[in-house]
Amino acid sequence: MAYEIRPMRRDDVPPAFTLIHEVYPCLVLTEDLLFRRFDQPLAYYRDQRFVAVEDGAVVGHVLARLHDDDAGTTHGRTYMAAVAPSHLDGDLPEDLLQVAEKHLIDHGADTLRADAAQEGVQLGGERFREAILGQGYELSESAQILGLELARLPPAPPMPEGVELRTLREFEDDPRPIYELDRLTGQDEPGGGGGGFLPYPEWVRIAWNNPLSDKDISLVLLMDETPVALSLYVSDGAGRMESGMTGTLREYRGRGLAGYTKAKALELARDKGITHAYTGNHAHNTPMLTINARLGYTVVGSEETYLEP
């Protein structure tokens, strides 16, 4: 029996999660979060997941995402492609890409992007890359995916003078300062893949209220009671954590604040029982790559974003 590609249904969530979890060993995701996104779709990101089903089994998955930037441009992105090993040599990677593309175009995408990664990051990713290049896409951005066994975490550097650390949990009554810090520290970060920063209400819904947001290990560094650096994380409760953002306000850079904040956050995670930390850095983000190398991160593989000309 041939496979059928169709929009994901609620009862597809468990097998789709199993497939995604196997294909993306560095990804922090839970079945509960997939159910939540299915039952309560995001507004800023207009997502449509597709699955390939054969003989009742989910053998493929892809996410097609649309969002509008401040200039009114609608961006389309195809990513989180997962294909069962038994179907990598067939047409399924191409078919998933084409279904996602059609959905994005039909719903008004002005730009089209697609992601693929090396095998250590995405099992079968090289096969999906072939499908992307076969559709005429061109390389747009490249990032390194890094991993760290927290048992190997080196001691944190000395605390910089005049600083204070607080967990994200301490900002639950008013997360607006964290939003502003997140927005400002990321303004000149390499990469981004098109579009602007989330509006505050959507940031609260997507980032702050993300069930995987680990507010007990995510840290904010203050100087004179002013938040100036942060290191944010999600974790899955099963040993994996992933960096969301680590950065410092421009006028406070060069003092080792981001590196110290990240090191202390990783210590908290290790003490909490998390075993593996992952992060992605744009290939040109030399300061963050340097910090991560000092912390013991090593390259798992690269992840590329391709743009249709």
Protein backbone atom coordinates (compact mmCIF):
# COMPACT_ATOMS: atom_id res chain seq x y z
CA MET A 1 0.00 0.00 0.00
CA ALA A 2 1.34 3.46 -0.94
CA TYR A 3 1.66 6.17 1.68
CA GLU A 4 -0.78 9.05 1.94
CA ILE A 5 0.34 12.56 2.93
CA ARG A 6 -2.35 14.51 4.77
CA PRO A 7 -2.73 17.12 7.51
CA MET A 8 -1.87 15.71 10.91
CA ARG A 9 -4.80 14.62 13.07
CA ARG A 10 -4.92 14.56 16.83
CA ASP A 11 -4.52 10.80 16.99
CA ASP A 12 -1.38 11.11 14.85
CA VAL A 13 0.40 13.06 17.60
CA PRO A 14 1.90 10.09 19.54
CA PRO A 15 3.40 8.28 16.53
CA ALA A 16 4.51 11.56 14.95
CA PHE A 17 6.27 12.52 18.18
CA THR A 18 8.02 9.14 18.33
CA LEU A 19 9.30 9.63 14.79
CA ILE A 20 10.43 13.23 15.38
CA HIS A 21 12.13 12.30 18.65
CA GLU A 22 14.11 9.56 16.92
CA VAL A 23 15.09 11.66 13.91
CA TYR A 24 16.17 14.74 15.96
CA PRO A 25 18.37 13.54 18.84
CA CYS A 26 19.24 17.13 19.89
CA LEU A 27 15.69 18.50 19.82
CA VAL A 28 13.87 19.27 23.06
CA LEU A 29 10.23 18.33 22.51
CA THR A 30 7.52 16.39 24.33
CA GLU A 31 4.37 14.66 23.26
CA ASP A 32 2.42 16.90 25.63
CA LEU A 33 3.69 20.01 23.85
CA LEU A 34 2.65 18.60 20.47
CA PHE A 35 -0.84 17.98 21.86
CA ARG A 36 -0.94 21.50 23.28
CA ARG A 37 0.04 23.09 19.97
CA PHE A 38 -2.56 20.96 18.19
CA ASP A 39 -5.35 21.91 20.61
CA GLN A 40 -4.31 25.56 21.00
CA PRO A 41 -2.76 26.72 17.72
CA LEU A 42 -0.45 29.71 17.79
CA ALA A 43 -1.61 32.97 16.25
CA TYR A 44 1.66 34.63 15.26
CA TYR A 45 2.96 31.41 13.70
CA ARG A 46 0.39 29.73 11.47
CA ASP A 47 1.51 26.12 11.54
CA GLN A 48 0.31 23.15 9.56
CA ARG A 49 1.85 19.76 10.19
CA PHE A 50 1.59 17.01 7.60
CA VAL A 51 2.14 13.30 8.11
CA ALA A 52 2.75 10.48 5.68
CA VAL A 53 0.80 7.38 6.66
CA GLU A 54 1.29 3.88 5.28
CA ASP A 55 -0.63 0.84 6.51
CA GLY A 56 -1.75 2.87 9.52
CA ALA A 57 1.81 3.81 10.52
CA VAL A 58 3.26 7.36 10.46
CA VAL A 59 6.35 7.18 8.24
CA GLY A 60 6.87 10.89 7.60
CA HIS A 61 6.26 14.31 9.12
CA VAL A 62 6.88 17.91 8.10
CA LEU A 63 5.95 21.31 9.53
CA ALA A 64 4.91 24.19 7.26
CA ARG A 65 5.02 27.54 9.08
CA LEU A 66 3.77 30.97 8.01
CA HIS A 67 4.26 34.29 9.74
CA ASP A 68 4.08 37.98 8.82
CA ASP A 69 6.82 40.47 9.64
CA ASP A 70 6.38 44.13 10.54
CA ALA A 71 6.64 45.13 6.87
CA GLY A 72 3.74 42.89 5.90
CA THR A 73 5.83 40.21 4.20
CA THR A 74 4.57 36.67 4.69
CA HIS A 75 7.37 34.19 5.29
CA GLY A 76 6.99 30.47 4.66
CA ARG A 77 9.26 27.85 6.16
CA THR A 78 9.43 24.07 5.82
CA TYR A 79 11.22 22.28 8.62
CA MET A 80 11.20 19.47 11.18
CA ALA A 81 11.08 16.99 8.32
CA ALA A 82 11.24 13.44 9.64
CA VAL A 83 11.25 10.35 7.46
CA ALA A 84 11.33 6.75 8.63
CA PRO A 85 14.59 5.00 7.62
CA SER A 86 12.60 2.55 5.52
CA HIS A 87 11.44 5.42 3.25
CA LEU A 88 14.59 7.52 2.87
CA ASP A 89 15.55 5.95 -0.45
CA GLY A 90 12.16 6.61 -2.03
CA ASP A 91 10.28 9.76 -3.03
CA LEU A 92 8.92 10.64 0.40
CA PRO A 93 11.42 13.47 1.18
CA GLU A 94 10.55 15.20 -2.12
CA ASP A 95 6.84 14.58 -1.63
CA LEU A 96 6.82 16.05 1.89
CA LEU A 97 8.66 19.16 0.69
CA GLN A 98 6.27 19.67 -2.21
CA VAL A 99 3.18 19.28 -0.02
CA ALA A 100 4.56 21.81 2.47
CA GLU A 101 5.52 24.22 -0.33
CA LYS A 102 2.07 24.06 -1.89
CA HIS A 103 0.43 24.78 1.45
CA LEU A 104 2.70 27.79 2.05
CA ILE A 105 2.16 29.21 -1.43
CA ASP A 106 -1.59 28.63 -1.30
CA HIS A 107 -1.72 30.55 1.98
CA GLY A 108 0.15 33.60 0.72
CA ALA A 109 3.85 33.01 1.38
CA ASP A 110 6.03 35.70 -0.23
CA THR A 111 9.27 33.89 0.66
CA LEU A 112 10.02 30.19 0.99
CA ARG A 113 12.69 28.68 3.23
CA ALA A 114 13.50 25.08 4.08
CA ASP A 115 15.81 23.51 6.66
CA ALA A 116 18.04 20.44 6.55
CA ALA A 117 20.81 19.21 8.82
CA GLN A 118 23.68 16.77 8.96
CA GLU A 119 23.05 13.23 10.14
CA GLY A 120 24.10 13.86 13.75
CA VAL A 121 21.37 16.49 14.05
CA GLN A 122 18.70 15.08 11.71
CA LEU A 123 18.73 11.42 10.78
CA GLY A 124 18.10 11.36 7.06
CA GLY A 125 18.77 15.08 6.84
CA GLU A 126 21.15 14.73 3.92
CA ARG A 127 18.40 13.05 1.95
CA PHE A 128 16.04 15.94 2.69
CA ARG A 129 18.80 18.35 1.69
CA GLU A 130 18.91 16.64 -1.72
CA ALA A 131 15.18 17.25 -2.07
CA ILE A 132 15.58 20.95 -1.18
CA LEU A 133 18.43 21.49 -3.63
CA GLY A 134 16.50 19.61 -6.29
CA GLN A 135 13.75 22.23 -5.98
CA GLY A 136 16.22 25.01 -6.76
CA TYR A 137 16.71 26.43 -3.26
CA GLU A 138 19.99 28.19 -2.44
CA LEU A 139 21.91 28.26 0.85
CA SER A 140 20.89 31.18 3.04
CA GLU A 141 22.13 30.51 6.59
CA SER A 142 24.22 27.92 8.39
CA ALA A 143 24.40 27.11 12.08
CA GLN A 144 26.42 24.73 14.20
CA ILE A 145 24.53 22.46 16.58
CA LEU A 146 26.60 21.82 19.70
CA GLY A 147 26.21 19.29 22.46
CA LEU A 148 27.54 18.97 26.00
CA GLU A 149 27.42 16.15 28.54
CA LEU A 150 26.83 18.09 31.72
CA ALA A 151 28.91 15.64 33.73
CA ARG A 152 31.89 17.16 31.86
CA LEU A 153 30.95 20.78 32.60
CA PRO A 154 34.04 22.72 33.78
CA PRO A 155 33.87 24.99 36.86
CA ALA A 156 32.20 28.34 36.30
CA PRO A 157 34.44 31.41 35.98
CA PRO A 158 34.65 33.78 38.97
CA MET A 159 31.63 35.96 39.57
CA PRO A 160 32.10 39.39 37.96
CA GLU A 161 32.13 42.23 40.45
CA GLY A 162 28.85 43.94 41.24
CA VAL A 163 26.47 41.44 39.65
CA GLU A 164 23.46 39.48 40.87
CA LEU A 165 21.82 36.40 39.36
CA ARG A 166 18.11 35.69 39.42
CA THR A 167 16.11 32.83 37.96
CA LEU A 168 13.32 33.48 35.49
CA ARG A 169 10.93 32.21 38.16
CA GLU A 170 11.50 35.46 40.06
CA PHE A 171 10.03 37.48 37.17
CA GLU A 172 6.70 35.65 36.92
CA ASP A 173 4.73 38.66 38.16
CA ASP A 174 6.13 40.88 35.40
CA PRO A 175 8.09 39.27 32.54
CA ARG A 176 8.25 42.49 30.52
CA PRO A 177 11.90 43.23 31.51
CA ILE A 178 12.87 39.77 30.25
CA TYR A 179 11.08 40.39 26.97
CA GLU A 180 12.96 43.66 26.44
CA LEU A 181 16.27 42.02 27.32
CA ASP A 182 15.58 39.09 25.00
CA ARG A 183 14.60 41.46 22.18
CA LEU A 184 17.53 43.84 22.57
CA THR A 185 20.26 41.23 23.02
CA GLY A 186 19.14 39.45 19.87
CA GLN A 187 18.97 42.50 17.61
CA ASP A 188 22.44 42.07 16.17
CA GLU A 189 22.68 38.31 16.49
CA PRO A 190 23.74 36.71 13.16
CA GLY A 191 21.02 34.82 11.32
CA GLY A 192 17.31 35.02 12.00
CA GLY A 193 15.93 33.59 8.80
CA GLY A 194 13.57 36.46 7.97
CA GLY A 195 10.97 38.34 9.99
CA GLY A 196 11.14 40.49 13.10
CA PHE A 197 10.95 39.85 16.82
CA LEU A 198 7.74 38.58 18.38
CA PRO A 199 5.30 41.19 19.69
CA TYR A 200 5.06 41.06 23.48
CA PRO A 201 1.68 39.26 23.73
CA GLU A 202 2.88 36.53 21.35
CA TRP A 203 6.25 36.28 23.12
CA VAL A 204 4.38 35.65 26.38
CA ARG A 205 2.28 32.96 24.78
CA ILE A 206 4.97 31.27 22.69
CA ALA A 207 8.13 31.70 24.78
CA TRP A 208 7.28 32.66 28.35
CA ASN A 209 4.31 30.30 28.67
CA ASN A 210 5.96 27.48 26.74
CA PRO A 211 5.42 24.41 28.95
CA LEU A 212 9.04 23.41 28.33
CA SER A 213 10.46 26.78 29.42
CA ASP A 214 12.63 25.93 32.42
CA LYS A 215 12.34 28.98 34.65
CA ASP A 216 14.34 27.35 37.44
CA ILE A 217 17.57 27.09 35.44
CA SER A 218 17.16 30.08 33.10
CA LEU A 219 19.08 32.99 34.58
CA VAL A 220 19.11 36.77 34.36
CA LEU A 221 22.16 38.80 35.40
CA LEU A 222 21.62 42.21 36.96
CA MET A 223 23.98 45.15 37.53
CA ASP A 224 22.67 47.90 39.79
CA GLU A 225 19.33 46.07 39.76
CA THR A 226 19.14 46.38 35.96
CA PRO A 227 18.84 43.19 33.85
CA VAL A 228 21.77 43.24 31.42
CA ALA A 229 22.38 39.59 30.44
CA LEU A 230 20.37 36.40 30.23
CA SER A 231 20.61 32.71 29.45
CA LEU A 232 17.30 31.01 28.64
CA TYR A 233 16.51 27.29 28.33
CA VAL A 234 13.84 24.71 27.64
CA SER A 235 14.03 21.17 29.01
CA ASP A 236 11.99 18.03 28.42
CA GLY A 237 12.07 16.42 31.85
CA ALA A 238 13.88 13.44 30.34
CA GLY A 239 17.48 14.61 30.42
CA ARG A 240 17.62 17.03 27.47
CA MET A 241 17.87 20.80 27.57
CA GLU A 242 18.25 23.33 24.78
CA SER A 243 19.42 26.95 24.76
CA GLY A 244 16.88 29.53 23.73
CA MET A 245 18.94 32.71 23.96
CA THR A 246 22.13 33.80 25.69
CA GLY A 247 23.16 37.40 25.32
CA THR A 248 24.24 40.68 26.86
CA LEU A 249 23.11 44.24 26.21
CA ARG A 250 25.51 45.85 23.77
CA GLU A 251 26.89 48.43 26.20
CA TYR A 252 27.80 45.72 28.76
CA ARG A 253 29.60 43.33 26.44
CA GLY A 254 33.24 42.35 26.76
CA ARG A 255 33.05 41.72 30.53
CA GLY A 256 32.38 37.98 30.49
CA LEU A 257 28.78 38.39 31.67
CA ALA A 258 27.13 36.06 29.15
CA GLY A 259 29.69 33.32 29.71
CA TYR A 260 29.32 33.53 33.49
CA THR A 261 25.51 33.51 33.30
CA LYS A 262 25.46 30.50 30.99
CA ALA A 263 27.96 28.56 33.10
CA LYS A 264 25.88 29.07 36.24
CA ALA A 265 22.68 28.08 34.42
CA LEU A 266 24.32 24.86 33.23
CA GLU A 267 25.44 24.14 36.80
CA LEU A 268 21.84 24.49 37.96
CA ALA A 269 20.71 22.14 35.19
CA ARG A 270 23.32 19.53 36.08
CA ASP A 271 22.32 19.67 39.73
CA LYS A 272 18.70 19.25 38.69
CA GLY A 273 19.54 15.97 36.94
CA ILE A 274 19.67 17.12 33.31
CA THR A 275 22.37 15.19 31.48
CA HIS A 276 22.70 16.67 27.98
CA ALA A 277 22.64 20.29 26.82
CA TYR A 278 22.28 21.41 23.20
CA THR A 279 22.54 24.74 21.48
CA GLY A 280 22.62 26.18 17.98
CA ASN A 281 24.93 28.99 16.89
CA HIS A 282 25.09 30.80 13.59
CA ALA A 283 28.37 30.00 11.85
CA HIS A 284 29.40 33.68 12.10
CA ASN A 285 28.52 34.12 15.79
CA THR A 286 32.14 33.90 16.93
CA PRO A 287 31.64 35.29 20.49
CA MET A 288 29.01 32.68 21.35
CA LEU A 289 30.93 29.86 19.70
CA THR A 290 33.94 30.85 21.82
CA ILE A 291 31.88 30.83 25.03
CA ASN A 292 30.44 27.42 24.21
CA ALA A 293 33.86 25.97 23.42
CA ARG A 294 35.11 27.11 26.83
CA LEU A 295 32.14 25.37 28.45
CA GLY A 296 33.01 22.10 26.73
CA TYR A 297 30.42 22.03 23.96
CA THR A 298 31.44 20.07 20.87
CA VAL A 299 29.99 20.13 17.37
CA VAL A 300 27.26 17.56 16.69
CA GLY A 301 26.64 18.77 13.14
CA SER A 302 25.48 21.70 11.08
CA GLU A 303 21.98 22.84 10.18
CA GLU A 304 21.31 24.89 7.06
CA THR A 305 18.45 27.09 5.94
CA TYR A 306 17.81 27.35 2.20
CA LEU A 307 15.93 30.11 0.41
CA GLU A 308 14.02 29.79 -2.82
CA PRO A 309 15.34 32.56 -5.13
